[in-house]
Amino acid sequence: MKSVLVPCILMASFLHAQSTQNPCTSNLGGDVDPSFIEIRINSTPFSHQTFSSPSIFYHEYPASGNTTATLAAGQSYQMYTSTSSEAVIGMWLDTNQNNIFEAQEYKQLVNSMGTQNTTSFTIPASAANGNTRMRIRSRAYGSTIGSANACSSFGSGETRDYIVNISGTPLGTKETPADSHTEIYPNPTADLLHIHDKELILSLEVYNTEGRKIKSQIVNKSNAAVDLSGYVPGEYLVKVLTRIDNRIFKVLKK
């Protein structure tokens, strides 16, 4: 009886240790190119600039200052990356917080000959709330990074682990008071809603009163128009995302 129980207990302890330890942080390989120069999540405080060529190719950063942000479940964001040379870039977000980077938690951000790129990604509505590890890896253009490569050893690029806070509130903020910064008209509207902002509008999102996102569009201009003609009459929330801030406005659809 003892010869059966002891191995089972040891195996249970081993599995528990595996489930609670940090994800792989050694033997990841890498090289000075393509190293990260800047990683930024637009419209959030996350704006990490590193201009020196690294000699160590794995780094872990604290959940504070410009290396973290609060991201809302169900919300889409734009990530800007700048690298020292052409790169393929992948990201894993441990949304179930089990310290394992799984295939469904992977997003390819970049596969481009350009060294500066902006890519949209979405926090799943089912993501667990709280501090969440985000891994970003770069590799030389022409190589591949896939969902199974969170712990693979590469001969090029960098691996970085950040901690972001995920909030279960889809909008994450209250309605913005009316001012001269942003113009939205006509309100109420039956179809087109026009938006002008003093800042460059990166994107727009429309939510129903339950907080569910029903529409999003990339803008990258100071003026935009949202077509609400296909939606039932009632109140909606329009979120205007700029590099400076996010602004939310209540709109009445006639």
C-alpha atoms as a PDB file:
ATOM      1  CA  MET A   1       0.000   0.000   0.000  1.00  0.00           C
ATOM      2  CA  LYS A   2       2.835   2.398   0.889  1.00  0.00           C
ATOM      3  CA  SER A   3       4.580   1.753  -2.441  1.00  0.00           C
ATOM      4  CA  VAL A   4       1.496   3.145  -4.215  1.00  0.00           C
ATOM      5  CA  LEU A   5       0.670   6.068  -1.926  1.00  0.00           C
ATOM      6  CA  VAL A   6       4.139   7.590  -1.710  1.00  0.00           C
ATOM      7  CA  PRO A   7       4.627   8.051  -5.484  1.00  0.00           C
ATOM      8  CA  CYS A   8       1.108   9.508  -5.727  1.00  0.00           C
ATOM      9  CA  ILE A   9       1.845  12.033  -2.983  1.00  0.00           C
ATOM     10  CA  LEU A  10       5.147  12.970  -4.597  1.00  0.00           C
ATOM     11  CA  MET A  11       3.486  13.368  -7.974  1.00  0.00           C
ATOM     12  CA  ALA A  12       0.751  15.563  -6.468  1.00  0.00           C
ATOM     13  CA  SER A  13       3.413  17.768  -4.860  1.00  0.00           C
ATOM     14  CA  PHE A  14       5.285  18.009  -8.157  1.00  0.00           C
ATOM     15  CA  LEU A  15       2.146  19.017 -10.073  1.00  0.00           C
ATOM     16  CA  HIS A  16       1.280  21.598  -7.427  1.00  0.00           C
ATOM     17  CA  ALA A  17       4.767  23.079  -7.693  1.00  0.00           C
ATOM     18  CA  GLN A  18       4.448  23.223 -11.461  1.00  0.00           C
ATOM     19  CA  SER A  19       1.078  25.020 -11.261  1.00  0.00           C
ATOM     20  CA  THR A  20       2.277  27.683  -8.827  1.00  0.00           C
ATOM     21  CA  GLN A  21       5.757  28.505 -10.168  1.00  0.00           C
ATOM     22  CA  ASN A  22       6.392  31.332 -12.597  1.00  0.00           C
ATOM     23  CA  PRO A  23       6.375  30.543 -16.331  1.00  0.00           C
ATOM     24  CA  CYS A  24       9.705  29.571 -17.942  1.00  0.00           C
ATOM     25  CA  THR A  25      12.222  32.388 -17.538  1.00  0.00           C
ATOM     26  CA  SER A  26      15.518  30.711 -18.483  1.00  0.00           C
ATOM     27  CA  ASN A  27      17.021  29.058 -21.566  1.00  0.00           C
ATOM     28  CA  LEU A  28      14.988  31.311 -23.848  1.00  0.00           C
ATOM     29  CA  GLY A  29      17.946  32.319 -26.036  1.00  0.00           C
ATOM     30  CA  GLY A  30      18.002  35.587 -27.957  1.00  0.00           C
ATOM     31  CA  ASP A  31      20.329  38.166 -29.465  1.00  0.00           C
ATOM     32  CA  VAL A  32      20.759  41.930 -29.718  1.00  0.00           C
ATOM     33  CA  ASP A  33      18.596  42.004 -32.883  1.00  0.00           C
ATOM     34  CA  PRO A  34      15.732  42.485 -33.079  1.00  0.00           C
ATOM     35  CA  SER A  35      15.616  44.076 -29.632  1.00  0.00           C
ATOM     36  CA  PHE A  36      12.746  46.259 -28.436  1.00  0.00           C
ATOM     37  CA  ILE A  37      13.173  50.037 -28.526  1.00  0.00           C
ATOM     38  CA  GLU A  38       9.647  50.887 -27.407  1.00  0.00           C
ATOM     39  CA  ILE A  39       6.489  49.035 -26.418  1.00  0.00           C
ATOM     40  CA  ARG A  40       3.360  51.098 -25.867  1.00  0.00           C
ATOM     41  CA  ILE A  41      -0.308  50.317 -25.277  1.00  0.00           C
ATOM     42  CA  ASN A  42      -2.017  53.373 -26.676  1.00  0.00           C
ATOM     43  CA  SER A  43      -4.423  55.324 -24.456  1.00  0.00           C
ATOM     44  CA  THR A  44      -2.925  53.755 -21.306  1.00  0.00           C
ATOM     45  CA  PRO A  45       0.045  54.626 -19.037  1.00  0.00           C
ATOM     46  CA  PHE A  46       1.998  51.692 -20.516  1.00  0.00           C
ATOM     47  CA  SER A  47       4.787  53.372 -22.496  1.00  0.00           C
ATOM     48  CA  HIS A  48       8.130  51.580 -22.089  1.00  0.00           C
ATOM     49  CA  GLN A  49      11.127  53.001 -23.949  1.00  0.00           C
ATOM     50  CA  THR A  50      14.541  51.301 -23.909  1.00  0.00           C
ATOM     51  CA  PHE A  51      17.151  52.707 -26.267  1.00  0.00           C
ATOM     52  CA  SER A  52      20.311  50.716 -25.388  1.00  0.00           C
ATOM     53  CA  SER A  53      21.277  47.422 -27.013  1.00  0.00           C
ATOM     54  CA  PRO A  54      20.669  44.636 -24.455  1.00  0.00           C
ATOM     55  CA  SER A  55      23.290  42.115 -23.369  1.00  0.00           C
ATOM     56  CA  ILE A  56      20.698  40.009 -21.525  1.00  0.00           C
ATOM     57  CA  PHE A  57      17.752  38.862 -23.580  1.00  0.00           C
ATOM     58  CA  TYR A  58      15.145  38.093 -20.924  1.00  0.00           C
ATOM     59  CA  HIS A  59      13.712  40.819 -18.674  1.00  0.00           C
ATOM     60  CA  GLU A  60      10.870  40.948 -16.159  1.00  0.00           C
ATOM     61  CA  TYR A  61       9.358  44.313 -15.298  1.00  0.00           C
ATOM     62  CA  PRO A  62       7.355  45.463 -12.240  1.00  0.00           C
ATOM     63  CA  ALA A  63       3.633  46.204 -12.161  1.00  0.00           C
ATOM     64  CA  SER A  64       4.202  49.919 -11.655  1.00  0.00           C
ATOM     65  CA  GLY A  65       4.796  53.156 -13.519  1.00  0.00           C
ATOM     66  CA  ASN A  66       5.097  53.024 -17.287  1.00  0.00           C
ATOM     67  CA  THR A  67       5.501  49.231 -17.457  1.00  0.00           C
ATOM     68  CA  THR A  68       1.935  48.407 -16.486  1.00  0.00           C
ATOM     69  CA  ALA A  69      -1.670  49.407 -17.161  1.00  0.00           C
ATOM     70  CA  THR A  70      -5.197  48.493 -16.154  1.00  0.00           C
ATOM     71  CA  LEU A  71      -6.947  46.789 -19.079  1.00  0.00           C
ATOM     72  CA  ALA A  72     -10.672  46.096 -19.187  1.00  0.00           C
ATOM     73  CA  ALA A  73     -12.100  42.664 -19.975  1.00  0.00           C
ATOM     74  CA  GLY A  74     -13.866  42.715 -23.335  1.00  0.00           C
ATOM     75  CA  GLN A  75     -11.931  45.812 -24.395  1.00  0.00           C
ATOM     76  CA  SER A  76      -9.723  46.199 -27.492  1.00  0.00           C
ATOM     77  CA  TYR A  77      -6.395  48.028 -27.377  1.00  0.00           C
ATOM     78  CA  GLN A  78      -3.699  49.053 -29.808  1.00  0.00           C
ATOM     79  CA  MET A  79      -0.099  48.080 -29.097  1.00  0.00           C
ATOM     80  CA  TYR A  80       2.752  49.981 -30.723  1.00  0.00           C
ATOM     81  CA  THR A  81       6.131  48.262 -31.025  1.00  0.00           C
ATOM     82  CA  SER A  82       9.450  49.573 -32.268  1.00  0.00           C
ATOM     83  CA  THR A  83      12.391  47.205 -32.779  1.00  0.00           C
ATOM     84  CA  SER A  84      16.048  47.546 -33.740  1.00  0.00           C
ATOM     85  CA  SER A  85      15.465  45.581 -36.960  1.00  0.00           C
ATOM     86  CA  GLU A  86      12.674  43.823 -38.856  1.00  0.00           C
ATOM     87  CA  ALA A  87      10.891  41.361 -36.597  1.00  0.00           C
ATOM     88  CA  VAL A  88       8.159  38.871 -35.940  1.00  0.00           C
ATOM     89  CA  ILE A  89       6.582  39.546 -32.533  1.00  0.00           C
ATOM     90  CA  GLY A  90       4.252  37.369 -30.470  1.00  0.00           C
ATOM     91  CA  MET A  91       2.370  38.042 -27.252  1.00  0.00           C
ATOM     92  CA  TRP A  92       0.899  35.753 -24.602  1.00  0.00           C
ATOM     93  CA  LEU A  93      -1.525  37.024 -21.950  1.00  0.00           C
ATOM     94  CA  ASP A  94      -2.131  34.594 -19.076  1.00  0.00           C
ATOM     95  CA  THR A  95      -5.836  35.434 -18.838  1.00  0.00           C
ATOM     96  CA  ASN A  96      -6.739  32.445 -16.649  1.00  0.00           C
ATOM     97  CA  GLN A  97      -3.800  33.261 -14.334  1.00  0.00           C
ATOM     98  CA  ASN A  98      -2.536  29.676 -14.081  1.00  0.00           C
ATOM     99  CA  ASN A  99       1.102  30.663 -14.800  1.00  0.00           C
ATOM    100  CA  ILE A 100       1.092  28.721 -18.064  1.00  0.00           C
ATOM    101  CA  PHE A 101       1.120  30.426 -21.462  1.00  0.00           C
ATOM    102  CA  GLU A 102      -1.453  28.450 -23.440  1.00  0.00           C
ATOM    103  CA  ALA A 103      -2.280  28.403 -27.141  1.00  0.00           C
ATOM    104  CA  GLN A 104      -5.559  30.297 -26.732  1.00  0.00           C
ATOM    105  CA  GLU A 105      -3.693  33.070 -24.896  1.00  0.00           C
ATOM    106  CA  TYR A 106      -1.428  33.811 -27.886  1.00  0.00           C
ATOM    107  CA  LYS A 107      -1.602  36.676 -30.367  1.00  0.00           C
ATOM    108  CA  GLN A 108       0.829  37.377 -33.212  1.00  0.00           C
ATOM    109  CA  LEU A 109       1.434  41.107 -33.136  1.00  0.00           C
ATOM    110  CA  VAL A 110       3.922  41.688 -35.947  1.00  0.00           C
ATOM    111  CA  ASN A 111       5.370  39.894 -38.965  1.00  0.00           C
ATOM    112  CA  SER A 112       6.732  42.800 -40.935  1.00  0.00           C
ATOM    113  CA  MET A 113       9.756  44.301 -42.633  1.00  0.00           C
ATOM    114  CA  GLY A 114       8.830  47.552 -40.889  1.00  0.00           C
ATOM    115  CA  THR A 115      10.457  48.250 -37.530  1.00  0.00           C
ATOM    116  CA  GLN A 116       7.487  50.261 -36.203  1.00  0.00           C
ATOM    117  CA  ASN A 117       4.065  48.629 -36.077  1.00  0.00           C
ATOM    118  CA  THR A 118       0.691  49.063 -34.369  1.00  0.00           C
ATOM    119  CA  THR A 119      -1.585  46.056 -33.811  1.00  0.00           C
ATOM    120  CA  SER A 120      -4.964  45.663 -32.112  1.00  0.00           C
ATOM    121  CA  PHE A 121      -5.574  43.020 -29.465  1.00  0.00           C
ATOM    122  CA  THR A 122      -8.600  42.241 -27.294  1.00  0.00           C
ATOM    123  CA  ILE A 123      -8.820  41.240 -23.647  1.00  0.00           C
ATOM    124  CA  PRO A 124     -11.271  38.287 -23.525  1.00  0.00           C
ATOM    125  CA  ALA A 125     -14.497  39.023 -21.675  1.00  0.00           C
ATOM    126  CA  SER A 126     -13.863  35.835 -19.663  1.00  0.00           C
ATOM    127  CA  ALA A 127     -10.415  36.966 -18.466  1.00  0.00           C
ATOM    128  CA  ALA A 128      -9.767  36.659 -14.733  1.00  0.00           C
ATOM    129  CA  ASN A 129      -9.560  39.934 -12.839  1.00  0.00           C
ATOM    130  CA  GLY A 130      -6.331  41.091 -11.234  1.00  0.00           C
ATOM    131  CA  ASN A 131      -2.611  41.030 -12.006  1.00  0.00           C
ATOM    132  CA  THR A 132      -1.903  39.094 -15.198  1.00  0.00           C
ATOM    133  CA  ARG A 133       1.433  38.188 -16.772  1.00  0.00           C
ATOM    134  CA  MET A 134       1.987  39.377 -20.346  1.00  0.00           C
ATOM    135  CA  ARG A 135       4.890  37.918 -22.333  1.00  0.00           C
ATOM    136  CA  ILE A 136       6.173  39.598 -25.499  1.00  0.00           C
ATOM    137  CA  ARG A 137       8.822  37.943 -27.673  1.00  0.00           C
ATOM    138  CA  SER A 138      10.660  39.192 -30.750  1.00  0.00           C
ATOM    139  CA  ARG A 139      12.518  37.154 -33.342  1.00  0.00           C
ATOM    140  CA  ALA A 140      14.286  37.944 -36.612  1.00  0.00           C
ATOM    141  CA  TYR A 141      11.997  38.587 -39.588  1.00  0.00           C
ATOM    142  CA  GLY A 142      11.722  35.423 -41.685  1.00  0.00           C
ATOM    143  CA  SER A 143      11.589  33.240 -38.560  1.00  0.00           C
ATOM    144  CA  THR A 144       8.332  32.121 -36.938  1.00  0.00           C
ATOM    145  CA  ILE A 145       6.716  32.568 -33.528  1.00  0.00           C
ATOM    146  CA  GLY A 146       3.652  30.466 -32.832  1.00  0.00           C
ATOM    147  CA  SER A 147       1.343  29.747 -29.930  1.00  0.00           C
ATOM    148  CA  ALA A 148       3.571  26.866 -28.729  1.00  0.00           C
ATOM    149  CA  ASN A 149       6.741  28.993 -28.549  1.00  0.00           C
ATOM    150  CA  ALA A 150       6.304  30.815 -25.240  1.00  0.00           C
ATOM    151  CA  CYS A 151       9.215  28.834 -23.748  1.00  0.00           C
ATOM    152  CA  SER A 152      11.207  27.975 -26.893  1.00  0.00           C
ATOM    153  CA  SER A 153      14.873  28.892 -27.199  1.00  0.00           C
ATOM    154  CA  PHE A 154      15.442  31.398 -30.022  1.00  0.00           C
ATOM    155  CA  GLY A 155      18.696  32.483 -31.645  1.00  0.00           C
ATOM    156  CA  SER A 156      17.505  36.069 -32.027  1.00  0.00           C
ATOM    157  CA  GLY A 157      15.401  38.703 -30.325  1.00  0.00           C
ATOM    158  CA  GLU A 158      14.205  39.397 -26.794  1.00  0.00           C
ATOM    159  CA  THR A 159      11.682  38.040 -24.309  1.00  0.00           C
ATOM    160  CA  ARG A 160       9.939  40.410 -21.894  1.00  0.00           C
ATOM    161  CA  ASP A 161       7.450  39.705 -19.127  1.00  0.00           C
ATOM    162  CA  TYR A 162       5.179  42.466 -17.866  1.00  0.00           C
ATOM    163  CA  ILE A 163       2.306  42.483 -15.360  1.00  0.00           C
ATOM    164  CA  VAL A 164      -0.964  44.194 -16.301  1.00  0.00           C
ATOM    165  CA  ASN A 165      -4.102  44.509 -14.197  1.00  0.00           C
ATOM    166  CA  ILE A 166      -7.312  43.225 -15.789  1.00  0.00           C
ATOM    167  CA  SER A 167     -10.560  44.806 -14.663  1.00  0.00           C
ATOM    168  CA  GLY A 168     -13.951  43.190 -15.145  1.00  0.00           C
ATOM    169  CA  THR A 169     -15.580  46.542 -15.934  1.00  0.00           C
ATOM    170  CA  PRO A 170     -15.883  46.738 -19.737  1.00  0.00           C
ATOM    171  CA  LEU A 171     -15.585  50.523 -19.908  1.00  0.00           C
ATOM    172  CA  GLY A 172     -13.372  50.993 -16.908  1.00  0.00           C
ATOM    173  CA  THR A 173     -14.359  54.631 -16.494  1.00  0.00           C
ATOM    174  CA  LYS A 174     -17.334  56.976 -16.122  1.00  0.00           C
ATOM    175  CA  GLU A 175     -18.953  59.159 -18.741  1.00  0.00           C
ATOM    176  CA  THR A 176     -16.781  62.158 -19.637  1.00  0.00           C
ATOM    177  CA  PRO A 177     -18.300  65.586 -18.832  1.00  0.00           C
ATOM    178  CA  ALA A 178     -19.024  67.719 -21.898  1.00  0.00           C
ATOM    179  CA  ASP A 179     -16.280  70.214 -22.790  1.00  0.00           C
ATOM    180  CA  SER A 180     -14.587  71.785 -25.818  1.00  0.00           C
ATOM    181  CA  HIS A 181     -12.059  68.939 -26.176  1.00  0.00           C
ATOM    182  CA  THR A 182     -14.383  66.632 -28.113  1.00  0.00           C
ATOM    183  CA  GLU A 183     -17.408  67.487 -30.267  1.00  0.00           C
ATOM    184  CA  ILE A 184     -20.107  64.870 -30.905  1.00  0.00           C
ATOM    185  CA  TYR A 185     -23.090  65.787 -33.098  1.00  0.00           C
ATOM    186  CA  PRO A 186     -25.936  65.505 -33.776  1.00  0.00           C
ATOM    187  CA  ASN A 187     -27.055  64.049 -30.479  1.00  0.00           C
ATOM    188  CA  PRO A 188     -29.711  62.588 -30.624  1.00  0.00           C
ATOM    189  CA  THR A 189     -29.083  61.085 -34.046  1.00  0.00           C
ATOM    190  CA  ALA A 190     -30.965  58.737 -36.347  1.00  0.00           C
ATOM    191  CA  ASP A 191     -27.966  57.570 -38.358  1.00  0.00           C
ATOM    192  CA  LEU A 192     -24.530  59.219 -38.621  1.00  0.00           C
ATOM    193  CA  LEU A 193     -22.808  60.475 -35.495  1.00  0.00           C
ATOM    194  CA  HIS A 194     -19.952  62.890 -36.211  1.00  0.00           C
ATOM    195  CA  ILE A 195     -16.990  63.188 -33.853  1.00  0.00           C
ATOM    196  CA  HIS A 196     -14.207  65.783 -33.775  1.00  0.00           C
ATOM    197  CA  ASP A 197     -11.382  65.806 -31.240  1.00  0.00           C
ATOM    198  CA  LYS A 198      -8.474  68.184 -30.661  1.00  0.00           C
ATOM    199  CA  GLU A 199      -6.255  65.105 -30.420  1.00  0.00           C
ATOM    200  CA  LEU A 200      -5.750  62.427 -33.074  1.00  0.00           C
ATOM    201  CA  ILE A 201      -8.537  59.846 -32.664  1.00  0.00           C
ATOM    202  CA  LEU A 202      -6.962  56.389 -32.744  1.00  0.00           C
ATOM    203  CA  SER A 203     -10.198  54.405 -32.637  1.00  0.00           C
ATOM    204  CA  LEU A 204     -13.843  54.489 -31.599  1.00  0.00           C
ATOM    205  CA  GLU A 205     -15.967  51.953 -29.740  1.00  0.00           C
ATOM    206  CA  VAL A 206     -19.721  51.790 -29.171  1.00  0.00           C
ATOM    207  CA  TYR A 207     -21.254  50.054 -26.133  1.00  0.00           C
ATOM    208  CA  ASN A 208     -24.839  49.328 -25.175  1.00  0.00           C
ATOM    209  CA  THR A 209     -26.077  50.269 -21.707  1.00  0.00           C
ATOM    210  CA  GLU A 210     -25.163  46.775 -20.415  1.00  0.00           C
ATOM    211  CA  GLY A 211     -21.507  47.539 -21.125  1.00  0.00           C
ATOM    212  CA  ARG A 212     -21.207  45.176 -24.107  1.00  0.00           C
ATOM    213  CA  LYS A 213     -19.128  46.427 -27.015  1.00  0.00           C
ATOM    214  CA  ILE A 214     -21.173  46.309 -30.210  1.00  0.00           C
ATOM    215  CA  LYS A 215     -19.000  48.250 -32.655  1.00  0.00           C
ATOM    216  CA  SER A 216     -15.390  49.361 -33.080  1.00  0.00           C
ATOM    217  CA  GLN A 217     -13.486  51.118 -35.828  1.00  0.00           C
ATOM    218  CA  ILE A 218      -9.940  52.341 -36.453  1.00  0.00           C
ATOM    219  CA  VAL A 219      -9.791  56.088 -37.211  1.00  0.00           C
ATOM    220  CA  ASN A 220      -6.306  57.668 -36.983  1.00  0.00           C
ATOM    221  CA  LYS A 221      -7.734  61.099 -37.827  1.00  0.00           C
ATOM    222  CA  SER A 222      -9.148  64.029 -35.863  1.00  0.00           C
ATOM    223  CA  ASN A 223     -12.592  63.588 -37.426  1.00  0.00           C
ATOM    224  CA  ALA A 224     -14.760  60.485 -37.638  1.00  0.00           C
ATOM    225  CA  ALA A 225     -18.308  59.347 -38.323  1.00  0.00           C
ATOM    226  CA  VAL A 226     -20.100  56.390 -36.749  1.00  0.00           C
ATOM    227  CA  ASP A 227     -23.109  54.866 -38.490  1.00  0.00           C
ATOM    228  CA  LEU A 228     -25.786  53.985 -35.918  1.00  0.00           C
ATOM    229  CA  SER A 229     -28.609  53.520 -38.431  1.00  0.00           C
ATOM    230  CA  GLY A 230     -28.704  49.748 -37.939  1.00  0.00           C
ATOM    231  CA  TYR A 231     -29.210  49.885 -34.154  1.00  0.00           C
ATOM    232  CA  VAL A 232     -32.452  50.038 -32.208  1.00  0.00           C
ATOM    233  CA  PRO A 233     -33.424  53.383 -30.661  1.00  0.00           C
ATOM    234  CA  GLY A 234     -32.076  53.992 -27.179  1.00  0.00           C
ATOM    235  CA  GLU A 235     -29.003  55.093 -25.242  1.00  0.00           C
ATOM    236  CA  TYR A 236     -25.462  54.082 -26.223  1.00  0.00           C
ATOM    237  CA  LEU A 237     -21.979  54.904 -24.972  1.00  0.00           C
ATOM    238  CA  VAL A 238     -19.319  55.997 -27.439  1.00  0.00           C
ATOM    239  CA  LYS A 239     -15.692  55.653 -26.350  1.00  0.00           C
ATOM    240  CA  VAL A 240     -13.169  57.914 -28.100  1.00  0.00           C
ATOM    241  CA  LEU A 241      -9.605  56.598 -27.771  1.00  0.00           C
ATOM    242  CA  THR A 242      -6.691  58.974 -28.300  1.00  0.00           C
ATOM    243  CA  ARG A 243      -3.038  58.602 -27.382  1.00  0.00           C
ATOM    244  CA  ILE A 244      -3.617  61.063 -24.537  1.00  0.00           C
ATOM    245  CA  ASP A 245      -6.731  59.590 -22.934  1.00  0.00           C
ATOM    246  CA  ASN A 246     -10.052  57.748 -23.338  1.00  0.00           C
ATOM    247  CA  ARG A 247     -13.302  59.713 -23.337  1.00  0.00           C
ATOM    248  CA  ILE A 248     -16.801  58.259 -23.019  1.00  0.00           C
ATOM    249  CA  PHE A 249     -20.001  59.980 -24.133  1.00  0.00           C
ATOM    250  CA  LYS A 250     -23.655  59.087 -23.854  1.00  0.00           C
ATOM    251  CA  VAL A 251     -25.502  59.182 -27.188  1.00  0.00           C
ATOM    252  CA  LEU A 252     -29.209  58.859 -27.916  1.00  0.00           C
ATOM    253  CA  LYS A 253     -30.180  56.907 -31.042  1.00  0.00           C
ATOM    254  CA  LYS A 254     -33.570  58.010 -32.391  1.00  0.00           C
END
